[in-house]
Protein backbone atom coordinates (compact mmCIF):
# COMPACT_ATOMS: atom_id res chain seq x y z
CA UNK A 1 15.33 21.30 -12.85
CA UNK A 2 15.84 17.14 -14.17
CA UNK A 3 12.69 16.24 -12.57
CA UNK A 4 10.68 18.86 -14.46
CA UNK A 5 12.26 18.00 -17.58
CA UNK A 6 11.51 14.43 -17.65
CA UNK A 7 8.21 15.23 -15.84
CA UNK A 8 7.03 17.58 -18.40
CA UNK A 9 7.06 14.43 -21.12
CA UNK A 10 4.96 14.54 -23.77
CA UNK A 11 2.19 11.74 -25.05
CA UNK A 12 4.08 10.97 -27.58
CA UNK A 13 7.38 11.16 -26.72
CA UNK A 14 9.13 8.19 -24.84
CA UNK A 15 10.84 8.59 -21.31
CA UNK A 16 13.91 7.26 -22.67
CA UNK A 17 14.72 9.87 -24.93
CA UNK A 18 13.89 12.74 -22.22
CA UNK A 19 16.56 11.03 -20.10
CA UNK A 20 18.99 10.25 -22.79
CA UNK A 21 18.32 14.31 -23.44
CA UNK A 22 18.90 15.21 -19.75
CA UNK A 23 21.78 13.09 -19.63
CA UNK A 24 23.76 14.89 -22.55
CA UNK A 25 22.61 18.37 -21.50
CA UNK A 26 23.92 17.37 -17.63
CA UNK A 27 26.82 16.16 -19.21
CA UNK A 28 26.35 12.94 -17.47
CA UNK A 29 28.26 9.62 -18.12
CA UNK A 30 25.35 7.32 -17.44
CA UNK A 31 21.17 7.39 -17.61
CA UNK A 32 21.96 5.73 -13.92
CA UNK A 33 23.76 9.10 -13.06
CA UNK A 34 20.90 10.89 -14.12
CA UNK A 35 18.46 8.60 -12.88
CA UNK A 36 19.87 9.01 -9.74
CA UNK A 37 20.08 13.18 -10.20
CA UNK A 38 16.73 13.14 -10.52
CA UNK A 39 15.66 11.02 -7.67
CA UNK A 40 13.75 8.34 -9.50
CA UNK A 41 14.54 5.26 -7.94
CA UNK A 42 14.63 1.14 -8.21
CA UNK A 43 11.18 1.28 -5.75
CA UNK A 44 9.52 4.09 -8.15
CA UNK A 45 10.86 2.06 -11.43
CA UNK A 46 9.17 -0.96 -9.91
CA UNK A 47 5.90 0.78 -9.20
CA UNK A 48 5.88 2.04 -13.03
CA UNK A 49 6.20 -1.52 -14.38
CA UNK A 50 3.77 -3.00 -12.07
CA UNK A 51 1.12 -1.17 -13.69
CA UNK A 52 2.49 -1.69 -16.96
CA UNK A 53 0.51 -3.48 -20.16
CA UNK A 54 1.39 -3.66 -23.66
CA UNK A 55 -2.20 -4.66 -23.62
CA UNK A 56 -4.82 -1.97 -22.32
C-alpha cells in the first residue's frame, strides 16, 4: 500500500510530502522507517539523484 501511495505521486506534488503523509498514516517515528517499509533503497535514491538536474 505504501509504495502505491508514493508511486501515484502527482507531478506538482513533491514526493517528500507523500513520504511525510505516509509516515503519519503508518505512525512511523522517522521518514527513514517509512522508506525502508516501502523498500526504497539508497541505491534507488542515488540513481534518481544521478539523473536529477535543476536546469532542464
